Amino acid sequence: MSRRVLLILLAALVSVAALVWVLRSGPSRSAQQPETAELRVPPTPTPAPTQRIMLLFAGADGQLHPELREVPLPAEVHERARVVVRELLAGPTAGLAPVVPYPAEVSAVFVDQSGLAFIDITAPPTPLQGSNIELMLVYGVVDSVLLNCPELRAVQILFGGTEVPTLTGHLDLSKPLVLNRRFIAS
């Protein structure tokens, strides 16, 4: 029986030694996993710096008039163009008329390597009429984008994802348009 007692004591001693070793070696891997998971969370992105942009809205004189706004402006040119168009579609703060005479949103913005921006906005719900409406809408968008994104050379406006030849029959919208200061009030 002494041999049996000796084996039980030896087993107890080994168990106690193993327990002490586990307690001294620190937390197990499973306890460390939540800490590791916290390290894998990407950092919160830094908000874009606030910058002044110039938006062009329609005046009673049939010309485009500037309105300055402070907005967070991203570094990527396609995102800057999106912010400019989104602010333009939100309308003027006072005294001027929106250049887009119907509720609209910017659906997509794409910029190719040559500096050509493709901007897709909501199509008009009903046909527009009048040359001044077409001029204010098109050059309000084109000139606002190009004045705030100098690395762009031209803008192609799409309506509802489609290239349209014209809105009211006065401007050729089948090709990209460049900055036109003729309609901007001095």
C-alpha atoms as a PDB file:
ATOM      1  CA  MET A   1       0.000   0.000   0.000  1.00  0.00           C
ATOM      2  CA  SER A   2       2.885   2.316   0.542  1.00  0.00           C
ATOM      3  CA  ARG A   3       3.617   2.110  -3.149  1.00  0.00           C
ATOM      4  CA  ARG A   4       0.072   3.145  -3.901  1.00  0.00           C
ATOM      5  CA  VAL A   5       0.246   6.080  -1.476  1.00  0.00           C
ATOM      6  CA  LEU A   6       3.569   7.106  -2.998  1.00  0.00           C
ATOM      7  CA  LEU A   7       2.010   7.131  -6.511  1.00  0.00           C
ATOM      8  CA  ILE A   8      -0.944   9.204  -5.277  1.00  0.00           C
ATOM      9  CA  LEU A   9       1.396  11.686  -3.598  1.00  0.00           C
ATOM     10  CA  LEU A  10       3.550  11.876  -6.729  1.00  0.00           C
ATOM     11  CA  ALA A  11       0.473  12.489  -8.906  1.00  0.00           C
ATOM     12  CA  ALA A  12      -0.721  15.202  -6.517  1.00  0.00           C
ATOM     13  CA  LEU A  13       2.718  16.831  -6.544  1.00  0.00           C
ATOM     14  CA  VAL A  14       2.831  16.813 -10.367  1.00  0.00           C
ATOM     15  CA  SER A  15      -0.680  18.324 -10.469  1.00  0.00           C
ATOM     16  CA  VAL A  16       0.273  21.089  -8.042  1.00  0.00           C
ATOM     17  CA  ALA A  17       3.482  21.800  -9.996  1.00  0.00           C
ATOM     18  CA  ALA A  18       1.514  21.984 -13.263  1.00  0.00           C
ATOM     19  CA  LEU A  19      -1.030  24.332 -11.693  1.00  0.00           C
ATOM     20  CA  VAL A  20       1.717  26.630 -10.370  1.00  0.00           C
ATOM     21  CA  TRP A  21       3.423  26.652 -13.767  1.00  0.00           C
ATOM     22  CA  VAL A  22       0.140  27.575 -15.559  1.00  0.00           C
ATOM     23  CA  LEU A  23      -0.614  30.369 -13.088  1.00  0.00           C
ATOM     24  CA  ARG A  24       2.873  31.869 -13.361  1.00  0.00           C
ATOM     25  CA  SER A  25       3.107  31.677 -17.158  1.00  0.00           C
ATOM     26  CA  GLY A  26       0.366  34.326 -17.566  1.00  0.00           C
ATOM     27  CA  PRO A  27      -2.955  34.360 -19.393  1.00  0.00           C
ATOM     28  CA  SER A  28      -3.689  31.699 -21.932  1.00  0.00           C
ATOM     29  CA  ARG A  29      -3.940  32.337 -25.664  1.00  0.00           C
ATOM     30  CA  SER A  30      -7.720  32.365 -25.531  1.00  0.00           C
ATOM     31  CA  ALA A  31      -7.622  35.204 -23.020  1.00  0.00           C
ATOM     32  CA  GLN A  32      -5.295  37.173 -25.305  1.00  0.00           C
ATOM     33  CA  GLN A  33      -7.481  36.901 -28.408  1.00  0.00           C
ATOM     34  CA  PRO A  34      -9.818  39.807 -27.556  1.00  0.00           C
ATOM     35  CA  GLU A  35      -6.780  42.045 -27.076  1.00  0.00           C
ATOM     36  CA  THR A  36      -5.397  40.958 -30.470  1.00  0.00           C
ATOM     37  CA  ALA A  37      -8.796  41.560 -32.057  1.00  0.00           C
ATOM     38  CA  GLU A  38      -8.757  45.124 -30.721  1.00  0.00           C
ATOM     39  CA  LEU A  39      -5.433  45.727 -32.442  1.00  0.00           C
ATOM     40  CA  ARG A  40      -6.907  44.673 -35.804  1.00  0.00           C
ATOM     41  CA  VAL A  41      -9.619  47.358 -35.757  1.00  0.00           C
ATOM     42  CA  PRO A  42      -8.649  49.967 -38.369  1.00  0.00           C
ATOM     43  CA  PRO A  43      -8.115  53.466 -37.049  1.00  0.00           C
ATOM     44  CA  THR A  44     -10.891  56.003 -37.428  1.00  0.00           C
ATOM     45  CA  PRO A  45     -10.239  57.976 -40.631  1.00  0.00           C
ATOM     46  CA  THR A  46      -9.239  61.576 -40.186  1.00  0.00           C
ATOM     47  CA  PRO A  47     -11.991  63.869 -41.459  1.00  0.00           C
ATOM     48  CA  ALA A  48     -11.211  65.875 -44.573  1.00  0.00           C
ATOM     49  CA  PRO A  49      -9.980  69.391 -43.859  1.00  0.00           C
ATOM     50  CA  THR A  50     -12.547  72.150 -44.212  1.00  0.00           C
ATOM     51  CA  GLN A  51     -11.922  74.345 -47.242  1.00  0.00           C
ATOM     52  CA  ARG A  52     -13.737  77.124 -49.022  1.00  0.00           C
ATOM     53  CA  ILE A  53     -15.454  76.289 -52.297  1.00  0.00           C
ATOM     54  CA  MET A  54     -17.203  78.541 -54.777  1.00  0.00           C
ATOM     55  CA  LEU A  55     -20.573  77.413 -56.069  1.00  0.00           C
ATOM     56  CA  LEU A  56     -22.394  79.106 -58.937  1.00  0.00           C
ATOM     57  CA  PHE A  57     -26.128  79.740 -58.636  1.00  0.00           C
ATOM     58  CA  ALA A  58     -28.587  81.486 -60.956  1.00  0.00           C
ATOM     59  CA  GLY A  59     -29.348  85.153 -60.442  1.00  0.00           C
ATOM     60  CA  ALA A  60     -32.396  87.126 -61.554  1.00  0.00           C
ATOM     61  CA  ASP A  61     -30.198  88.677 -64.261  1.00  0.00           C
ATOM     62  CA  GLY A  62     -29.782  85.311 -66.047  1.00  0.00           C
ATOM     63  CA  GLN A  63     -26.156  84.955 -64.951  1.00  0.00           C
ATOM     64  CA  LEU A  64     -24.333  82.665 -62.547  1.00  0.00           C
ATOM     65  CA  HIS A  65     -23.339  84.239 -59.232  1.00  0.00           C
ATOM     66  CA  PRO A  66     -20.802  82.820 -56.785  1.00  0.00           C
ATOM     67  CA  GLU A  67     -21.619  81.675 -53.269  1.00  0.00           C
ATOM     68  CA  LEU A  68     -18.763  80.680 -50.964  1.00  0.00           C
ATOM     69  CA  ARG A  69     -19.096  77.750 -48.542  1.00  0.00           C
ATOM     70  CA  GLU A  70     -16.797  76.062 -46.048  1.00  0.00           C
ATOM     71  CA  VAL A  71     -17.019  72.278 -46.455  1.00  0.00           C
ATOM     72  CA  PRO A  72     -14.865  69.234 -45.685  1.00  0.00           C
ATOM     73  CA  LEU A  73     -13.053  68.643 -48.962  1.00  0.00           C
ATOM     74  CA  PRO A  74     -11.366  65.255 -49.586  1.00  0.00           C
ATOM     75  CA  ALA A  75      -8.000  65.002 -51.332  1.00  0.00           C
ATOM     76  CA  GLU A  76      -9.204  62.648 -54.101  1.00  0.00           C
ATOM     77  CA  VAL A  77     -10.405  64.655 -57.100  1.00  0.00           C
ATOM     78  CA  HIS A  78     -13.478  62.486 -57.803  1.00  0.00           C
ATOM     79  CA  GLU A  79     -14.593  62.848 -54.170  1.00  0.00           C
ATOM     80  CA  ARG A  80     -14.009  66.634 -54.280  1.00  0.00           C
ATOM     81  CA  ALA A  81     -16.126  66.855 -57.449  1.00  0.00           C
ATOM     82  CA  ARG A  82     -18.848  64.803 -55.715  1.00  0.00           C
ATOM     83  CA  VAL A  83     -18.850  67.190 -52.719  1.00  0.00           C
ATOM     84  CA  VAL A  84     -19.059  70.241 -55.014  1.00  0.00           C
ATOM     85  CA  VAL A  85     -22.013  68.806 -56.958  1.00  0.00           C
ATOM     86  CA  ARG A  86     -23.758  67.639 -53.775  1.00  0.00           C
ATOM     87  CA  GLU A  87     -23.431  71.143 -52.283  1.00  0.00           C
ATOM     88  CA  LEU A  88     -24.628  72.678 -55.566  1.00  0.00           C
ATOM     89  CA  LEU A  89     -27.682  70.418 -55.622  1.00  0.00           C
ATOM     90  CA  ALA A  90     -28.475  71.432 -52.021  1.00  0.00           C
ATOM     91  CA  GLY A  91     -29.194  74.903 -53.412  1.00  0.00           C
ATOM     92  CA  PRO A  92     -28.169  78.429 -52.461  1.00  0.00           C
ATOM     93  CA  THR A  93     -28.391  79.758 -48.912  1.00  0.00           C
ATOM     94  CA  ALA A  94     -30.069  83.064 -49.827  1.00  0.00           C
ATOM     95  CA  GLY A  95     -30.846  85.461 -52.665  1.00  0.00           C
ATOM     96  CA  LEU A  96     -30.054  83.190 -55.616  1.00  0.00           C
ATOM     97  CA  ALA A  97     -31.898  80.397 -57.409  1.00  0.00           C
ATOM     98  CA  PRO A  98     -30.775  76.773 -57.698  1.00  0.00           C
ATOM     99  CA  VAL A  99     -29.253  75.863 -61.048  1.00  0.00           C
ATOM    100  CA  VAL A 100     -31.014  72.492 -61.049  1.00  0.00           C
ATOM    101  CA  PRO A 101     -34.743  73.365 -61.023  1.00  0.00           C
ATOM    102  CA  TYR A 102     -35.900  69.984 -59.721  1.00  0.00           C
ATOM    103  CA  PRO A 103     -34.956  67.741 -56.761  1.00  0.00           C
ATOM    104  CA  ALA A 104     -31.780  65.916 -57.780  1.00  0.00           C
ATOM    105  CA  GLU A 105     -28.923  63.909 -56.339  1.00  0.00           C
ATOM    106  CA  VAL A 106     -25.460  63.065 -57.565  1.00  0.00           C
ATOM    107  CA  SER A 107     -25.493  59.357 -58.443  1.00  0.00           C
ATOM    108  CA  ALA A 108     -21.906  58.818 -59.522  1.00  0.00           C
ATOM    109  CA  VAL A 109     -18.664  60.639 -60.243  1.00  0.00           C
ATOM    110  CA  PHE A 110     -15.832  59.148 -62.272  1.00  0.00           C
ATOM    111  CA  VAL A 111     -12.594  60.830 -63.335  1.00  0.00           C
ATOM    112  CA  ASP A 112     -10.381  59.321 -66.036  1.00  0.00           C
ATOM    113  CA  GLN A 113      -6.608  59.688 -66.266  1.00  0.00           C
ATOM    114  CA  SER A 114      -6.830  62.553 -68.765  1.00  0.00           C
ATOM    115  CA  GLY A 115      -8.735  64.756 -66.289  1.00  0.00           C
ATOM    116  CA  LEU A 116     -12.205  64.258 -67.744  1.00  0.00           C
ATOM    117  CA  ALA A 117     -14.955  64.022 -65.095  1.00  0.00           C
ATOM    118  CA  PHE A 118     -18.166  62.098 -65.712  1.00  0.00           C
ATOM    119  CA  ILE A 119     -20.885  63.314 -63.350  1.00  0.00           C
ATOM    120  CA  ASP A 120     -24.218  61.536 -63.178  1.00  0.00           C
ATOM    121  CA  ILE A 121     -27.145  63.409 -61.620  1.00  0.00           C
ATOM    122  CA  THR A 122     -30.819  62.586 -61.388  1.00  0.00           C
ATOM    123  CA  ALA A 123     -32.668  63.109 -64.671  1.00  0.00           C
ATOM    124  CA  PRO A 124     -35.417  65.764 -64.805  1.00  0.00           C
ATOM    125  CA  PRO A 125     -38.823  64.268 -63.941  1.00  0.00           C
ATOM    126  CA  THR A 126     -40.428  66.256 -66.788  1.00  0.00           C
ATOM    127  CA  PRO A 127     -38.851  67.847 -69.870  1.00  0.00           C
ATOM    128  CA  LEU A 128     -37.202  71.194 -69.188  1.00  0.00           C
ATOM    129  CA  GLN A 129     -37.938  74.226 -71.335  1.00  0.00           C
ATOM    130  CA  GLY A 130     -35.970  77.348 -72.115  1.00  0.00           C
ATOM    131  CA  SER A 131     -32.428  78.075 -73.125  1.00  0.00           C
ATOM    132  CA  ASN A 132     -31.618  79.945 -69.894  1.00  0.00           C
ATOM    133  CA  ILE A 133     -32.646  76.971 -67.737  1.00  0.00           C
ATOM    134  CA  GLU A 134     -30.366  74.720 -69.762  1.00  0.00           C
ATOM    135  CA  LEU A 135     -27.456  77.194 -69.671  1.00  0.00           C
ATOM    136  CA  MET A 136     -27.731  77.781 -65.909  1.00  0.00           C
ATOM    137  CA  LEU A 137     -28.011  74.067 -65.119  1.00  0.00           C
ATOM    138  CA  VAL A 138     -25.196  72.888 -67.353  1.00  0.00           C
ATOM    139  CA  TYR A 139     -22.693  75.680 -66.719  1.00  0.00           C
ATOM    140  CA  GLY A 140     -23.639  75.931 -63.039  1.00  0.00           C
ATOM    141  CA  VAL A 141     -22.511  72.305 -62.666  1.00  0.00           C
ATOM    142  CA  VAL A 142     -19.581  72.355 -65.122  1.00  0.00           C
ATOM    143  CA  ASP A 143     -18.084  75.665 -63.975  1.00  0.00           C
ATOM    144  CA  SER A 144     -18.570  74.945 -60.250  1.00  0.00           C
ATOM    145  CA  VAL A 145     -16.745  71.620 -60.610  1.00  0.00           C
ATOM    146  CA  LEU A 146     -13.920  72.969 -62.774  1.00  0.00           C
ATOM    147  CA  LEU A 147     -13.319  76.053 -60.605  1.00  0.00           C
ATOM    148  CA  ASN A 148     -13.001  73.879 -57.484  1.00  0.00           C
ATOM    149  CA  CYS A 149     -11.076  70.997 -59.070  1.00  0.00           C
ATOM    150  CA  PRO A 150      -8.354  72.663 -61.185  1.00  0.00           C
ATOM    151  CA  GLU A 151      -6.780  69.318 -62.148  1.00  0.00           C
ATOM    152  CA  LEU A 152      -9.880  68.526 -64.206  1.00  0.00           C
ATOM    153  CA  ARG A 153     -10.033  69.716 -67.799  1.00  0.00           C
ATOM    154  CA  ALA A 154     -13.675  69.028 -68.753  1.00  0.00           C
ATOM    155  CA  VAL A 155     -16.969  67.630 -67.441  1.00  0.00           C
ATOM    156  CA  GLN A 156     -19.400  65.237 -69.117  1.00  0.00           C
ATOM    157  CA  ILE A 157     -22.815  65.422 -67.453  1.00  0.00           C
ATOM    158  CA  LEU A 158     -24.997  62.311 -67.472  1.00  0.00           C
ATOM    159  CA  PHE A 159     -28.658  62.381 -66.496  1.00  0.00           C
ATOM    160  CA  GLY A 160     -30.010  59.252 -64.835  1.00  0.00           C
ATOM    161  CA  GLY A 161     -26.976  57.265 -65.985  1.00  0.00           C
ATOM    162  CA  THR A 162     -27.532  58.215 -69.625  1.00  0.00           C
ATOM    163  CA  GLU A 163     -25.697  60.535 -71.978  1.00  0.00           C
ATOM    164  CA  VAL A 164     -28.267  62.938 -73.433  1.00  0.00           C
ATOM    165  CA  PRO A 165     -27.755  64.977 -76.614  1.00  0.00           C
ATOM    166  CA  THR A 166     -29.427  68.068 -75.091  1.00  0.00           C
ATOM    167  CA  LEU A 167     -31.849  69.107 -72.346  1.00  0.00           C
ATOM    168  CA  THR A 168     -33.876  71.796 -74.109  1.00  0.00           C
ATOM    169  CA  GLY A 169     -32.306  71.798 -77.564  1.00  0.00           C
ATOM    170  CA  HIS A 170     -29.796  74.632 -77.094  1.00  0.00           C
ATOM    171  CA  LEU A 171     -26.587  72.962 -75.880  1.00  0.00           C
ATOM    172  CA  ASP A 172     -24.790  69.900 -77.233  1.00  0.00           C
ATOM    173  CA  LEU A 173     -24.378  67.669 -74.167  1.00  0.00           C
ATOM    174  CA  SER A 174     -23.100  64.657 -76.091  1.00  0.00           C
ATOM    175  CA  LYS A 175     -19.509  65.741 -75.467  1.00  0.00           C
ATOM    176  CA  PRO A 176     -17.568  67.012 -72.441  1.00  0.00           C
ATOM    177  CA  LEU A 177     -17.745  70.731 -71.684  1.00  0.00           C
ATOM    178  CA  VAL A 178     -14.938  73.021 -70.545  1.00  0.00           C
ATOM    179  CA  LEU A 179     -14.980  76.037 -68.233  1.00  0.00           C
ATOM    180  CA  ASN A 180     -17.083  78.850 -69.701  1.00  0.00           C
ATOM    181  CA  ARG A 181     -16.783  82.139 -67.795  1.00  0.00           C
ATOM    182  CA  ARG A 182     -19.198  83.903 -70.170  1.00  0.00           C
ATOM    183  CA  PHE A 183     -22.186  83.131 -67.939  1.00  0.00           C
ATOM    184  CA  ILE A 184     -20.502  84.057 -64.659  1.00  0.00           C
ATOM    185  CA  ALA A 185     -21.435  87.544 -63.419  1.00  0.00           C
ATOM    186  CA  SER A 186     -18.438  89.822 -62.924  1.00  0.00           C
END
